[in-house]
C-alpha cells in the first residue's frame, strides 16, 4: 500500500481522528420536529424523479456512469479519514458533522497539495439505479459543503467523487442498525 507523505497524512489524521472512532449515527426514530429542534435540516424525501443534480440528464443506464468513474480512478483504497452517516433515503449533511468537515476544509486551504476522495454509499433498499443516484447525491452534498466552507478558494478538481450505491457495504443489511452503517460517505486523503 502506498501512503501519502507521513507529515501530511499524520497532520490530517491526528486533527480528525476524534470523529473516526466516535462518529455518531443519525437517530432514525426522531420526528421531523425533533430534528429541527436539534438544529438538523428536515430530511427531504427523495424519489427517483427528483434526485438528479441540476444540469444532468436522467439516463436509463446510471450504472454505466458509475462503472466509468470507478475504472478511471487511479486511487488506492485507504482507511477513511472521516465517515459521515445519513438518514434513510436522504443526502442532507447533518450538523453533527459540520465541525469535522470545517477542519478538512481548513486543511485543504492550508495545504494546496492535498487531494480528497469522497465516496458515497447506501444500504441495499431500493433499486440499483436509485441507490447509485442517492450515493452520488450524498457524496456531492459533502463536496458542496467543503467547497462552500472554502469560500471559492479550494479548487474542486482536488476532490474526486465516487459513488457505489449498495455495492460496498461495511456490514450486512440484515437489520436496521446494520443498514444504517452502510448509509455513509467516506472521505479519504489521496495524493
C-alpha atoms as a PDB file:
ATOM      1  CA  UNK A   1       0.000   0.000   0.000  1.00  0.00           C
ATOM      2  CA  UNK A   2       1.350   3.429  -0.956  1.00  0.00           C
ATOM      3  CA  UNK A   3       0.644   6.122   1.636  1.00  0.00           C
ATOM      4  CA  UNK A   4       0.904   9.903   1.275  1.00  0.00           C
ATOM      5  CA  UNK A   5       3.938  11.616   2.816  1.00  0.00           C
ATOM      6  CA  UNK A   6       3.932  10.931   6.548  1.00  0.00           C
ATOM      7  CA  UNK A   7       3.877  14.553   7.648  1.00  0.00           C
ATOM      8  CA  UNK A   8       0.820  15.471   5.567  1.00  0.00           C
ATOM      9  CA  UNK A   9      -1.119  12.335   6.418  1.00  0.00           C
ATOM     10  CA  UNK A  10      -0.298  12.463  10.135  1.00  0.00           C
ATOM     11  CA  UNK A  11      -1.353  16.102  10.453  1.00  0.00           C
ATOM     12  CA  UNK A  12      -4.742  15.397   8.965  1.00  0.00           C
ATOM     13  CA  UNK A  13      -5.199  12.075  10.682  1.00  0.00           C
ATOM     14  CA  UNK A  14      -4.374  13.465  14.138  1.00  0.00           C
ATOM     15  CA  UNK A  15      -6.573  16.514  13.642  1.00  0.00           C
ATOM     16  CA  UNK A  16      -9.596  14.480  12.645  1.00  0.00           C
ATOM     17  CA  UNK A  17      -9.060  11.147  14.407  1.00  0.00           C
ATOM     18  CA  UNK A  18     -11.575  12.033  17.106  1.00  0.00           C
ATOM     19  CA  UNK A  19     -14.534  11.557  14.762  1.00  0.00           C
ATOM     20  CA  UNK A  20     -13.234   8.368  13.211  1.00  0.00           C
ATOM     21  CA  UNK A  21     -13.703   6.298  16.353  1.00  0.00           C
ATOM     22  CA  UNK A  22     -16.707   8.142  17.708  1.00  0.00           C
ATOM     23  CA  UNK A  23     -18.821   9.026  14.678  1.00  0.00           C
ATOM     24  CA  UNK A  24     -22.452   9.077  15.640  1.00  0.00           C
ATOM     25  CA  UNK A  25     -25.179   7.602  13.547  1.00  0.00           C
ATOM     26  CA  UNK A  26     -28.339   9.634  12.981  1.00  0.00           C
ATOM     27  CA  UNK A  27     -31.315   8.653  15.119  1.00  0.00           C
ATOM     28  CA  UNK A  28     -33.861   7.148  12.718  1.00  0.00           C
ATOM     29  CA  UNK A  29     -36.618   7.404  15.338  1.00  0.00           C
ATOM     30  CA  UNK A  30     -36.547  11.216  15.609  1.00  0.00           C
ATOM     31  CA  UNK A  31     -39.557  13.076  14.284  1.00  0.00           C
ATOM     32  CA  UNK A  32     -39.014  15.970  11.858  1.00  0.00           C
ATOM     33  CA  UNK A  33     -39.853  18.375  14.702  1.00  0.00           C
ATOM     34  CA  UNK A  34     -37.203  16.803  16.964  1.00  0.00           C
ATOM     35  CA  UNK A  35     -34.654  17.036  14.138  1.00  0.00           C
ATOM     36  CA  UNK A  36     -35.433  20.726  13.626  1.00  0.00           C
ATOM     37  CA  UNK A  37     -35.162  21.406  17.369  1.00  0.00           C
ATOM     38  CA  UNK A  38     -31.739  19.709  17.366  1.00  0.00           C
ATOM     39  CA  UNK A  39     -30.616  22.032  14.549  1.00  0.00           C
ATOM     40  CA  UNK A  40     -30.880  19.367  11.864  1.00  0.00           C
ATOM     41  CA  UNK A  41     -32.331  20.054   8.453  1.00  0.00           C
ATOM     42  CA  UNK A  42     -35.649  18.445   7.731  1.00  0.00           C
ATOM     43  CA  UNK A  43     -34.757  15.382   5.642  1.00  0.00           C
ATOM     44  CA  UNK A  44     -36.017  15.674   2.107  1.00  0.00           C
ATOM     45  CA  UNK A  45     -37.998  12.705   0.861  1.00  0.00           C
ATOM     46  CA  UNK A  46     -36.432  11.698  -2.422  1.00  0.00           C
ATOM     47  CA  UNK A  47     -37.690   9.655  -5.297  1.00  0.00           C
ATOM     48  CA  UNK A  48     -36.048   8.562  -8.497  1.00  0.00           C
ATOM     49  CA  UNK A  49     -37.623  11.602 -10.183  1.00  0.00           C
ATOM     50  CA  UNK A  50     -36.031  14.301  -8.025  1.00  0.00           C
ATOM     51  CA  UNK A  51     -32.558  13.084  -7.069  1.00  0.00           C
ATOM     52  CA  UNK A  52     -30.657  14.174 -10.144  1.00  0.00           C
ATOM     53  CA  UNK A  53     -28.495  17.263  -9.851  1.00  0.00           C
ATOM     54  CA  UNK A  54     -29.388  20.323 -11.926  1.00  0.00           C
ATOM     55  CA  UNK A  55     -27.783  20.213 -15.361  1.00  0.00           C
ATOM     56  CA  UNK A  56     -27.672  16.420 -15.568  1.00  0.00           C
ATOM     57  CA  UNK A  57     -29.881  14.260 -17.696  1.00  0.00           C
ATOM     58  CA  UNK A  58     -31.676  11.202 -16.477  1.00  0.00           C
ATOM     59  CA  UNK A  59     -30.343   8.171 -18.308  1.00  0.00           C
ATOM     60  CA  UNK A  60     -31.539   4.610 -18.341  1.00  0.00           C
ATOM     61  CA  UNK A  61     -28.067   3.241 -17.616  1.00  0.00           C
ATOM     62  CA  UNK A  62     -26.946   5.052 -14.456  1.00  0.00           C
ATOM     63  CA  UNK A  63     -24.740   2.050 -13.570  1.00  0.00           C
ATOM     64  CA  UNK A  64     -22.604   2.654 -16.691  1.00  0.00           C
ATOM     65  CA  UNK A  65     -21.781   6.185 -15.477  1.00  0.00           C
ATOM     66  CA  UNK A  66     -20.671   4.760 -12.126  1.00  0.00           C
ATOM     67  CA  UNK A  67     -18.688   1.988 -13.772  1.00  0.00           C
ATOM     68  CA  UNK A  68     -16.803   4.538 -15.859  1.00  0.00           C
ATOM     69  CA  UNK A  69     -15.919   6.689 -12.840  1.00  0.00           C
ATOM     70  CA  UNK A  70     -14.655   3.732 -10.813  1.00  0.00           C
ATOM     71  CA  UNK A  71     -12.486   2.201 -13.524  1.00  0.00           C
ATOM     72  CA  UNK A  72     -10.914   5.559 -14.434  1.00  0.00           C
ATOM     73  CA  UNK A  73      -9.782   6.276 -10.881  1.00  0.00           C
ATOM     74  CA  UNK A  74      -6.116   5.566 -10.066  1.00  0.00           C
ATOM     75  CA  UNK A  75      -6.899   5.815  -6.352  1.00  0.00           C
ATOM     76  CA  UNK A  76      -5.979   3.034  -3.958  1.00  0.00           C
ATOM     77  CA  UNK A  77      -8.406   2.281  -1.120  1.00  0.00           C
ATOM     78  CA  UNK A  78      -7.215   3.601   2.227  1.00  0.00           C
ATOM     79  CA  UNK A  79      -8.693   3.860   5.698  1.00  0.00           C
ATOM     80  CA  UNK A  80     -11.230   6.715   5.733  1.00  0.00           C
ATOM     81  CA  UNK A  81     -10.238   9.936   7.428  1.00  0.00           C
ATOM     82  CA  UNK A  82     -13.882  10.679   8.226  1.00  0.00           C
ATOM     83  CA  UNK A  83     -17.157   8.787   7.838  1.00  0.00           C
ATOM     84  CA  UNK A  84     -20.419  10.703   7.592  1.00  0.00           C
ATOM     85  CA  UNK A  85     -23.695   8.840   8.149  1.00  0.00           C
ATOM     86  CA  UNK A  86     -27.094   9.726   6.658  1.00  0.00           C
ATOM     87  CA  UNK A  87     -30.770   9.161   7.292  1.00  0.00           C
ATOM     88  CA  UNK A  88     -32.546   6.612   5.135  1.00  0.00           C
ATOM     89  CA  UNK A  89     -33.307   7.962   1.634  1.00  0.00           C
ATOM     90  CA  UNK A  90     -31.617  11.279   2.458  1.00  0.00           C
ATOM     91  CA  UNK A  91     -28.479  13.123   1.433  1.00  0.00           C
ATOM     92  CA  UNK A  92     -28.565  16.065   3.851  1.00  0.00           C
ATOM     93  CA  UNK A  93     -25.270  16.572   5.703  1.00  0.00           C
ATOM     94  CA  UNK A  94     -26.167  16.620   9.397  1.00  0.00           C
ATOM     95  CA  UNK A  95     -24.961  19.464  11.656  1.00  0.00           C
ATOM     96  CA  UNK A  96     -23.132  16.925  13.841  1.00  0.00           C
ATOM     97  CA  UNK A  97     -20.516  16.655  11.057  1.00  0.00           C
ATOM     98  CA  UNK A  98     -20.025  20.372  10.326  1.00  0.00           C
ATOM     99  CA  UNK A  99     -17.091  20.792  12.728  1.00  0.00           C
ATOM    100  CA  UNK A 100     -15.150  17.863  11.234  1.00  0.00           C
ATOM    101  CA  UNK A 101     -15.869  18.996   7.680  1.00  0.00           C
ATOM    102  CA  UNK A 102     -14.778  22.539   8.593  1.00  0.00           C
ATOM    103  CA  UNK A 103     -11.431  21.097   9.748  1.00  0.00           C
ATOM    104  CA  UNK A 104     -10.995  19.259   6.467  1.00  0.00           C
ATOM    105  CA  UNK A 105     -11.806  22.430   4.505  1.00  0.00           C
ATOM    106  CA  UNK A 106      -9.229  24.286   6.616  1.00  0.00           C
ATOM    107  CA  UNK A 107      -6.575  21.678   5.866  1.00  0.00           C
ATOM    108  CA  UNK A 108      -7.340  21.849   2.147  1.00  0.00           C
ATOM    109  CA  UNK A 109      -6.988  25.639   2.290  1.00  0.00           C
ATOM    110  CA  UNK A 110      -3.637  25.432   4.091  1.00  0.00           C
ATOM    111  CA  UNK A 111      -2.069  22.630   2.048  1.00  0.00           C
ATOM    112  CA  UNK A 112      -2.715  23.155  -1.665  1.00  0.00           C
ATOM    113  CA  UNK A 113      -1.187  19.738  -2.496  1.00  0.00           C
ATOM    114  CA  UNK A 114      -3.784  17.705  -0.604  1.00  0.00           C
ATOM    115  CA  UNK A 115      -6.456  15.895  -2.578  1.00  0.00           C
ATOM    116  CA  UNK A 116      -9.602  14.313  -1.216  1.00  0.00           C
ATOM    117  CA  UNK A 117     -11.577  11.282  -2.351  1.00  0.00           C
ATOM    118  CA  UNK A 118     -15.266  11.415  -1.408  1.00  0.00           C
ATOM    119  CA  UNK A 119     -17.084   8.069  -1.703  1.00  0.00           C
ATOM    120  CA  UNK A 120     -20.867   7.776  -1.440  1.00  0.00           C
ATOM    121  CA  UNK A 121     -22.623   4.579  -0.292  1.00  0.00           C
ATOM    122  CA  UNK A 122     -26.141   3.307   0.516  1.00  0.00           C
ATOM    123  CA  UNK A 123     -27.840   0.324   2.100  1.00  0.00           C
ATOM    124  CA  UNK A 124     -29.461  -2.285  -0.158  1.00  0.00           C
ATOM    125  CA  UNK A 125     -33.028  -0.956  -0.008  1.00  0.00           C
ATOM    126  CA  UNK A 126     -34.250   0.488  -3.306  1.00  0.00           C
ATOM    127  CA  UNK A 127     -33.361  -0.207  -6.912  1.00  0.00           C
ATOM    128  CA  UNK A 128     -29.770  -0.240  -8.133  1.00  0.00           C
ATOM    129  CA  UNK A 129     -30.214   2.967 -10.133  1.00  0.00           C
ATOM    130  CA  UNK A 130     -31.902   4.718  -7.199  1.00  0.00           C
ATOM    131  CA  UNK A 131     -29.055   3.736  -4.855  1.00  0.00           C
ATOM    132  CA  UNK A 132     -26.382   4.830  -7.332  1.00  0.00           C
ATOM    133  CA  UNK A 133     -28.051   8.238  -7.645  1.00  0.00           C
ATOM    134  CA  UNK A 134     -28.553   8.532  -3.876  1.00  0.00           C
ATOM    135  CA  UNK A 135     -24.902   7.672  -3.166  1.00  0.00           C
ATOM    136  CA  UNK A 136     -23.805  10.250  -5.767  1.00  0.00           C
ATOM    137  CA  UNK A 137     -26.041  12.887  -4.158  1.00  0.00           C
ATOM    138  CA  UNK A 138     -24.596  12.107  -0.724  1.00  0.00           C
ATOM    139  CA  UNK A 139     -21.014  12.451  -1.934  1.00  0.00           C
ATOM    140  CA  UNK A 140     -21.838  15.643  -3.863  1.00  0.00           C
ATOM    141  CA  UNK A 141     -23.534  17.155  -0.787  1.00  0.00           C
ATOM    142  CA  UNK A 142     -20.326  16.653   1.205  1.00  0.00           C
ATOM    143  CA  UNK A 143     -18.210  18.094  -1.605  1.00  0.00           C
ATOM    144  CA  UNK A 144     -20.522  21.105  -1.882  1.00  0.00           C
ATOM    145  CA  UNK A 145     -20.278  21.740   1.871  1.00  0.00           C
ATOM    146  CA  UNK A 146     -16.464  21.691   1.783  1.00  0.00           C
ATOM    147  CA  UNK A 147     -16.344  23.962  -1.275  1.00  0.00           C
ATOM    148  CA  UNK A 148     -18.715  26.459   0.372  1.00  0.00           C
ATOM    149  CA  UNK A 149     -16.563  26.479   3.520  1.00  0.00           C
ATOM    150  CA  UNK A 150     -13.544  27.206   1.328  1.00  0.00           C
ATOM    151  CA  UNK A 151     -15.228  30.388   0.034  1.00  0.00           C
ATOM    152  CA  UNK A 152     -14.157  29.646  -3.539  1.00  0.00           C
ATOM    153  CA  UNK A 153     -10.504  29.156  -2.567  1.00  0.00           C
ATOM    154  CA  UNK A 154     -10.490  25.342  -2.823  1.00  0.00           C
ATOM    155  CA  UNK A 155     -10.111  24.004  -6.365  1.00  0.00           C
ATOM    156  CA  UNK A 156     -12.874  21.460  -6.844  1.00  0.00           C
ATOM    157  CA  UNK A 157     -10.509  19.397  -9.013  1.00  0.00           C
ATOM    158  CA  UNK A 158      -8.746  18.452  -5.764  1.00  0.00           C
ATOM    159  CA  UNK A 159     -11.835  16.471  -4.716  1.00  0.00           C
ATOM    160  CA  UNK A 160     -12.753  13.313  -6.579  1.00  0.00           C
ATOM    161  CA  UNK A 161     -16.275  11.970  -6.098  1.00  0.00           C
ATOM    162  CA  UNK A 162     -17.092   8.284  -6.488  1.00  0.00           C
ATOM    163  CA  UNK A 163     -20.421   6.641  -5.758  1.00  0.00           C
ATOM    164  CA  UNK A 164     -21.057   2.970  -5.257  1.00  0.00           C
ATOM    165  CA  UNK A 165     -24.711   2.592  -4.261  1.00  0.00           C
ATOM    166  CA  UNK A 166     -25.141  -0.624  -2.314  1.00  0.00           C
ATOM    167  CA  UNK A 167     -22.112  -2.430  -3.785  1.00  0.00           C
ATOM    168  CA  UNK A 168     -19.621  -1.809  -0.956  1.00  0.00           C
ATOM    169  CA  UNK A 169     -21.340  -2.409   2.393  1.00  0.00           C
ATOM    170  CA  UNK A 170     -19.284  -2.269   5.596  1.00  0.00           C
ATOM    171  CA  UNK A 171     -21.681  -4.714   7.223  1.00  0.00           C
ATOM    172  CA  UNK A 172     -24.526  -6.937   6.113  1.00  0.00           C
ATOM    173  CA  UNK A 173     -28.003  -5.457   5.717  1.00  0.00           C
ATOM    174  CA  UNK A 174     -29.861  -7.893   7.990  1.00  0.00           C
ATOM    175  CA  UNK A 175     -31.313  -5.284  10.369  1.00  0.00           C
ATOM    176  CA  UNK A 176     -31.871  -1.536  10.594  1.00  0.00           C
ATOM    177  CA  UNK A 177     -28.788  -0.828  12.747  1.00  0.00           C
ATOM    178  CA  UNK A 178     -26.537  -2.550  10.220  1.00  0.00           C
ATOM    179  CA  UNK A 179     -28.216  -0.905   7.222  1.00  0.00           C
ATOM    180  CA  UNK A 180     -27.710   2.466   8.877  1.00  0.00           C
ATOM    181  CA  UNK A 181     -23.931   1.916   8.941  1.00  0.00           C
ATOM    182  CA  UNK A 182     -23.981   1.444   5.168  1.00  0.00           C
ATOM    183  CA  UNK A 183     -25.654   4.852   4.557  1.00  0.00           C
ATOM    184  CA  UNK A 184     -22.437   6.799   4.518  1.00  0.00           C
ATOM    185  CA  UNK A 185     -19.860   8.957   2.799  1.00  0.00           C
ATOM    186  CA  UNK A 186     -16.187   8.185   3.366  1.00  0.00           C
ATOM    187  CA  UNK A 187     -13.523  10.876   2.997  1.00  0.00           C
ATOM    188  CA  UNK A 188     -10.027   9.658   2.125  1.00  0.00           C
ATOM    189  CA  UNK A 189      -6.841  11.675   1.569  1.00  0.00           C
ATOM    190  CA  UNK A 190      -5.168  10.924  -1.779  1.00  0.00           C
ATOM    191  CA  UNK A 191      -2.039  12.314  -3.405  1.00  0.00           C
END
